[in-house]
């Protein structure tokens, strides 16, 4: 963990929207399309094994989000991307992904889309991830590079964006 001087009160990544809202919006859009417009469902039944897979994805995603968010809180930095960052966290799941919270959101999204039997939500995950990359992650990366300099650039070289 690298600490820096306190940031200016208005210093933040400038993300386009809160990440949970982006994921929820795409999931809801997919479900609405399937339920009320296209009348689609998955090409398989929502059997017990499928339910188990959905629950495992949701629980794993929530667990990853909580672990990653807990490390931010322990380091004393903000979890929400529209607030200033005061520490660079590179331990725990951040050793394998620069965005473990977003990986967690993705797992929860997949579990919910599967449980809702929504093929449109599954398909909409791709533009959701594109929007996350462009509208959130790339902006955070520019902000963190300016905020932490070479230590962040070194971290970015060592650790992949997603997995």
C-alpha atoms as a PDB file:
ATOM      1  CA  UNK A   1       0.000   0.000   0.000  1.00  0.00           C
ATOM      2  CA  UNK A   2       1.321   3.426  -0.967  1.00  0.00           C
ATOM      3  CA  UNK A   3       0.123   6.506   0.883  1.00  0.00           C
ATOM      4  CA  UNK A   4       0.250   9.968  -0.686  1.00  0.00           C
ATOM      5  CA  UNK A   5      -0.537  13.445   0.587  1.00  0.00           C
ATOM      6  CA  UNK A   6      -4.242  14.222   0.878  1.00  0.00           C
ATOM      7  CA  UNK A   7      -5.792  14.906  -2.538  1.00  0.00           C
ATOM      8  CA  UNK A   8      -7.656  18.046  -3.447  1.00  0.00           C
ATOM      9  CA  UNK A   9     -11.313  17.712  -2.391  1.00  0.00           C
ATOM     10  CA  UNK A  10     -12.472  17.634  -6.032  1.00  0.00           C
ATOM     11  CA  UNK A  11      -9.815  15.143  -7.197  1.00  0.00           C
ATOM     12  CA  UNK A  12     -11.462  11.998  -8.525  1.00  0.00           C
ATOM     13  CA  UNK A  13     -11.563   9.776 -11.595  1.00  0.00           C
ATOM     14  CA  UNK A  14     -14.582  11.381 -13.259  1.00  0.00           C
ATOM     15  CA  UNK A  15     -16.391   8.132 -13.995  1.00  0.00           C
ATOM     16  CA  UNK A  16     -19.555   8.435 -16.106  1.00  0.00           C
ATOM     17  CA  UNK A  17     -21.836   6.705 -13.577  1.00  0.00           C
ATOM     18  CA  UNK A  18     -21.642   4.573 -10.438  1.00  0.00           C
ATOM     19  CA  UNK A  19     -20.498   1.082 -11.518  1.00  0.00           C
ATOM     20  CA  UNK A  20     -23.306  -0.769  -9.683  1.00  0.00           C
ATOM     21  CA  UNK A  21     -25.817   1.399 -11.545  1.00  0.00           C
ATOM     22  CA  UNK A  22     -24.208   0.546 -14.895  1.00  0.00           C
ATOM     23  CA  UNK A  23     -24.351  -3.186 -14.197  1.00  0.00           C
ATOM     24  CA  UNK A  24     -27.900  -3.017 -12.796  1.00  0.00           C
ATOM     25  CA  UNK A  25     -29.078  -0.914 -15.744  1.00  0.00           C
ATOM     26  CA  UNK A  26     -27.849  -3.416 -18.324  1.00  0.00           C
ATOM     27  CA  UNK A  27     -29.227  -6.355 -16.332  1.00  0.00           C
ATOM     28  CA  UNK A  28     -32.615  -4.694 -15.972  1.00  0.00           C
ATOM     29  CA  UNK A  29     -32.697  -3.755 -19.657  1.00  0.00           C
ATOM     30  CA  UNK A  30     -31.967  -7.361 -20.656  1.00  0.00           C
ATOM     31  CA  UNK A  31     -34.626  -8.737 -18.327  1.00  0.00           C
ATOM     32  CA  UNK A  32     -37.235  -6.211 -19.537  1.00  0.00           C
ATOM     33  CA  UNK A  33     -36.434  -7.003 -23.175  1.00  0.00           C
ATOM     34  CA  UNK A  34     -36.823 -10.735 -22.578  1.00  0.00           C
ATOM     35  CA  UNK A  35     -39.908 -10.481 -20.384  1.00  0.00           C
ATOM     36  CA  UNK A  36     -41.945  -7.791 -22.124  1.00  0.00           C
ATOM     37  CA  UNK A  37     -40.596  -7.297 -25.654  1.00  0.00           C
ATOM     38  CA  UNK A  38     -38.813 -10.331 -27.093  1.00  0.00           C
ATOM     39  CA  UNK A  39     -40.358 -13.008 -24.864  1.00  0.00           C
ATOM     40  CA  UNK A  40     -37.085 -14.947 -24.796  1.00  0.00           C
ATOM     41  CA  UNK A  41     -35.755 -17.397 -22.256  1.00  0.00           C
ATOM     42  CA  UNK A  42     -32.675 -19.547 -21.956  1.00  0.00           C
ATOM     43  CA  UNK A  43     -32.542 -22.660 -24.125  1.00  0.00           C
ATOM     44  CA  UNK A  44     -32.446 -24.789 -20.966  1.00  0.00           C
ATOM     45  CA  UNK A  45     -34.550 -25.232 -17.855  1.00  0.00           C
ATOM     46  CA  UNK A  46     -33.823 -23.546 -14.564  1.00  0.00           C
ATOM     47  CA  UNK A  47     -32.977 -26.877 -12.949  1.00  0.00           C
ATOM     48  CA  UNK A  48     -31.407 -27.377  -9.551  1.00  0.00           C
ATOM     49  CA  UNK A  49     -27.830 -27.514 -10.973  1.00  0.00           C
ATOM     50  CA  UNK A  50     -28.424 -24.272 -12.903  1.00  0.00           C
ATOM     51  CA  UNK A  51     -29.775 -22.627  -9.745  1.00  0.00           C
ATOM     52  CA  UNK A  52     -26.689 -23.802  -7.843  1.00  0.00           C
ATOM     53  CA  UNK A  53     -24.395 -22.308 -10.508  1.00  0.00           C
ATOM     54  CA  UNK A  54     -26.321 -19.020 -10.353  1.00  0.00           C
ATOM     55  CA  UNK A  55     -26.084 -18.881  -6.559  1.00  0.00           C
ATOM     56  CA  UNK A  56     -22.377 -19.780  -6.600  1.00  0.00           C
ATOM     57  CA  UNK A  57     -21.682 -16.960  -9.083  1.00  0.00           C
ATOM     58  CA  UNK A  58     -23.633 -14.466  -6.985  1.00  0.00           C
ATOM     59  CA  UNK A  59     -22.028 -15.505  -3.688  1.00  0.00           C
ATOM     60  CA  UNK A  60     -18.525 -15.571  -5.215  1.00  0.00           C
ATOM     61  CA  UNK A  61     -19.058 -12.146  -6.744  1.00  0.00           C
ATOM     62  CA  UNK A  62     -20.378 -10.633  -3.517  1.00  0.00           C
ATOM     63  CA  UNK A  63     -17.529 -12.221  -1.559  1.00  0.00           C
ATOM     64  CA  UNK A  64     -14.938 -10.797  -3.951  1.00  0.00           C
ATOM     65  CA  UNK A  65     -16.555  -7.349  -3.784  1.00  0.00           C
ATOM     66  CA  UNK A  66     -16.595  -7.419   0.025  1.00  0.00           C
ATOM     67  CA  UNK A  67     -12.985  -8.627   0.261  1.00  0.00           C
ATOM     68  CA  UNK A  68     -11.726  -5.991  -2.181  1.00  0.00           C
ATOM     69  CA  UNK A  69     -13.822  -3.214  -0.641  1.00  0.00           C
ATOM     70  CA  UNK A  70     -12.669  -4.209   2.833  1.00  0.00           C
ATOM     71  CA  UNK A  71      -9.047  -3.784   1.781  1.00  0.00           C
ATOM     72  CA  UNK A  72      -9.843  -0.261   0.566  1.00  0.00           C
ATOM     73  CA  UNK A  73     -11.466   0.568   3.894  1.00  0.00           C
ATOM     74  CA  UNK A  74      -8.540  -0.950   5.807  1.00  0.00           C
ATOM     75  CA  UNK A  75      -6.136   1.198   3.766  1.00  0.00           C
ATOM     76  CA  UNK A  76      -8.228   4.271   4.512  1.00  0.00           C
ATOM     77  CA  UNK A  77      -9.065   5.042   0.900  1.00  0.00           C
ATOM     78  CA  UNK A  78     -12.424   5.603  -0.711  1.00  0.00           C
ATOM     79  CA  UNK A  79     -14.308   2.697  -2.277  1.00  0.00           C
ATOM     80  CA  UNK A  80     -16.498   4.865  -4.486  1.00  0.00           C
ATOM     81  CA  UNK A  81     -14.758   6.067  -7.669  1.00  0.00           C
ATOM     82  CA  UNK A  82     -16.163   9.605  -7.502  1.00  0.00           C
ATOM     83  CA  UNK A  83     -14.218  10.296  -4.299  1.00  0.00           C
ATOM     84  CA  UNK A  84     -10.479  10.945  -3.998  1.00  0.00           C
ATOM     85  CA  UNK A  85      -8.092   8.002  -3.632  1.00  0.00           C
ATOM     86  CA  UNK A  86      -5.604   8.250  -0.790  1.00  0.00           C
ATOM     87  CA  UNK A  87      -3.855   4.879  -1.038  1.00  0.00           C
ATOM     88  CA  UNK A  88      -2.917   2.393  -3.737  1.00  0.00           C
ATOM     89  CA  UNK A  89      -3.959  -1.118  -2.685  1.00  0.00           C
ATOM     90  CA  UNK A  90      -2.013  -3.988  -4.291  1.00  0.00           C
ATOM     91  CA  UNK A  91      -2.663  -6.877  -1.886  1.00  0.00           C
ATOM     92  CA  UNK A  92      -5.293  -9.604  -1.704  1.00  0.00           C
ATOM     93  CA  UNK A  93      -7.283  -9.878  -4.934  1.00  0.00           C
ATOM     94  CA  UNK A  94      -5.518  -6.751  -6.223  1.00  0.00           C
ATOM     95  CA  UNK A  95      -2.471  -8.952  -6.811  1.00  0.00           C
ATOM     96  CA  UNK A  96      -4.384 -10.678  -9.643  1.00  0.00           C
ATOM     97  CA  UNK A  97      -6.744  -7.991 -10.934  1.00  0.00           C
ATOM     98  CA  UNK A  98      -6.624  -4.214 -10.878  1.00  0.00           C
ATOM     99  CA  UNK A  99     -10.432  -4.272 -10.679  1.00  0.00           C
ATOM    100  CA  UNK A 100     -11.573  -7.135  -8.453  1.00  0.00           C
ATOM    101  CA  UNK A 101     -14.701  -5.254  -7.390  1.00  0.00           C
ATOM    102  CA  UNK A 102     -15.770  -5.031 -11.033  1.00  0.00           C
ATOM    103  CA  UNK A 103     -14.934  -8.709 -11.535  1.00  0.00           C
ATOM    104  CA  UNK A 104     -17.219  -9.332  -8.548  1.00  0.00           C
ATOM    105  CA  UNK A 105     -19.987  -7.215 -10.092  1.00  0.00           C
ATOM    106  CA  UNK A 106     -19.586  -9.217 -13.309  1.00  0.00           C
ATOM    107  CA  UNK A 107     -19.953 -12.532 -11.459  1.00  0.00           C
ATOM    108  CA  UNK A 108     -23.082 -11.274  -9.671  1.00  0.00           C
ATOM    109  CA  UNK A 109     -24.490 -10.036 -12.990  1.00  0.00           C
ATOM    110  CA  UNK A 110     -23.875 -13.437 -14.617  1.00  0.00           C
ATOM    111  CA  UNK A 111     -25.488 -15.261 -11.704  1.00  0.00           C
ATOM    112  CA  UNK A 112     -28.543 -13.010 -11.776  1.00  0.00           C
ATOM    113  CA  UNK A 113     -28.881 -13.189 -15.584  1.00  0.00           C
ATOM    114  CA  UNK A 114     -28.694 -16.976 -15.369  1.00  0.00           C
ATOM    115  CA  UNK A 115     -31.191 -17.126 -12.512  1.00  0.00           C
ATOM    116  CA  UNK A 116     -33.544 -14.761 -14.337  1.00  0.00           C
ATOM    117  CA  UNK A 117     -33.207 -16.926 -17.452  1.00  0.00           C
ATOM    118  CA  UNK A 118     -32.393 -13.811 -19.492  1.00  0.00           C
ATOM    119  CA  UNK A 119     -30.435 -14.374 -22.719  1.00  0.00           C
ATOM    120  CA  UNK A 120     -30.646 -10.660 -23.538  1.00  0.00           C
ATOM    121  CA  UNK A 121     -28.997  -9.806 -20.209  1.00  0.00           C
ATOM    122  CA  UNK A 122     -26.234 -12.301 -21.035  1.00  0.00           C
ATOM    123  CA  UNK A 123     -25.700 -10.660 -24.423  1.00  0.00           C
ATOM    124  CA  UNK A 124     -25.837  -7.159 -22.922  1.00  0.00           C
ATOM    125  CA  UNK A 125     -22.975  -8.042 -20.584  1.00  0.00           C
ATOM    126  CA  UNK A 126     -20.576  -7.372 -23.483  1.00  0.00           C
ATOM    127  CA  UNK A 127     -21.624  -3.731 -24.029  1.00  0.00           C
ATOM    128  CA  UNK A 128     -21.827  -3.364 -20.245  1.00  0.00           C
ATOM    129  CA  UNK A 129     -18.176  -4.398 -19.925  1.00  0.00           C
ATOM    130  CA  UNK A 130     -17.234  -2.121 -22.842  1.00  0.00           C
ATOM    131  CA  UNK A 131     -18.931   0.815 -21.119  1.00  0.00           C
ATOM    132  CA  UNK A 132     -17.248  -0.099 -17.825  1.00  0.00           C
ATOM    133  CA  UNK A 133     -13.875  -0.183 -19.562  1.00  0.00           C
ATOM    134  CA  UNK A 134     -14.349   3.111 -21.412  1.00  0.00           C
ATOM    135  CA  UNK A 135     -16.471   5.086 -18.971  1.00  0.00           C
ATOM    136  CA  UNK A 136     -15.059   3.912 -15.649  1.00  0.00           C
ATOM    137  CA  UNK A 137     -11.831   1.897 -15.726  1.00  0.00           C
ATOM    138  CA  UNK A 138      -9.848   3.920 -18.261  1.00  0.00           C
ATOM    139  CA  UNK A 139     -10.811   7.112 -16.439  1.00  0.00           C
ATOM    140  CA  UNK A 140      -9.762   5.592 -13.118  1.00  0.00           C
ATOM    141  CA  UNK A 141      -6.463   4.477 -14.633  1.00  0.00           C
ATOM    142  CA  UNK A 142      -5.680   7.994 -15.904  1.00  0.00           C
ATOM    143  CA  UNK A 143      -6.580   9.436 -12.499  1.00  0.00           C
ATOM    144  CA  UNK A 144      -4.507   6.874 -10.575  1.00  0.00           C
ATOM    145  CA  UNK A 145      -1.498   7.375 -12.865  1.00  0.00           C
ATOM    146  CA  UNK A 146      -1.655  11.131 -12.242  1.00  0.00           C
ATOM    147  CA  UNK A 147      -2.288  10.640  -8.514  1.00  0.00           C
ATOM    148  CA  UNK A 148       0.310   7.954  -7.700  1.00  0.00           C
ATOM    149  CA  UNK A 149       2.771   8.255 -10.608  1.00  0.00           C
ATOM    150  CA  UNK A 150       5.392   5.560 -11.115  1.00  0.00           C
ATOM    151  CA  UNK A 151       4.223   3.232  -8.311  1.00  0.00           C
ATOM    152  CA  UNK A 152       0.829   2.945 -10.061  1.00  0.00           C
ATOM    153  CA  UNK A 153       2.438   2.528 -13.489  1.00  0.00           C
ATOM    154  CA  UNK A 154       4.612  -0.287 -12.080  1.00  0.00           C
ATOM    155  CA  UNK A 155       1.528  -1.911 -10.557  1.00  0.00           C
ATOM    156  CA  UNK A 156      -0.319  -1.544 -13.866  1.00  0.00           C
ATOM    157  CA  UNK A 157       2.545  -3.364 -15.613  1.00  0.00           C
ATOM    158  CA  UNK A 158       2.454  -6.261 -13.130  1.00  0.00           C
ATOM    159  CA  UNK A 159      -1.295  -6.800 -12.775  1.00  0.00           C
ATOM    160  CA  UNK A 160      -3.913  -7.303 -15.474  1.00  0.00           C
ATOM    161  CA  UNK A 161      -6.944  -5.051 -15.789  1.00  0.00           C
ATOM    162  CA  UNK A 162      -9.563  -7.805 -15.350  1.00  0.00           C
ATOM    163  CA  UNK A 163      -7.986 -11.203 -14.636  1.00  0.00           C
END
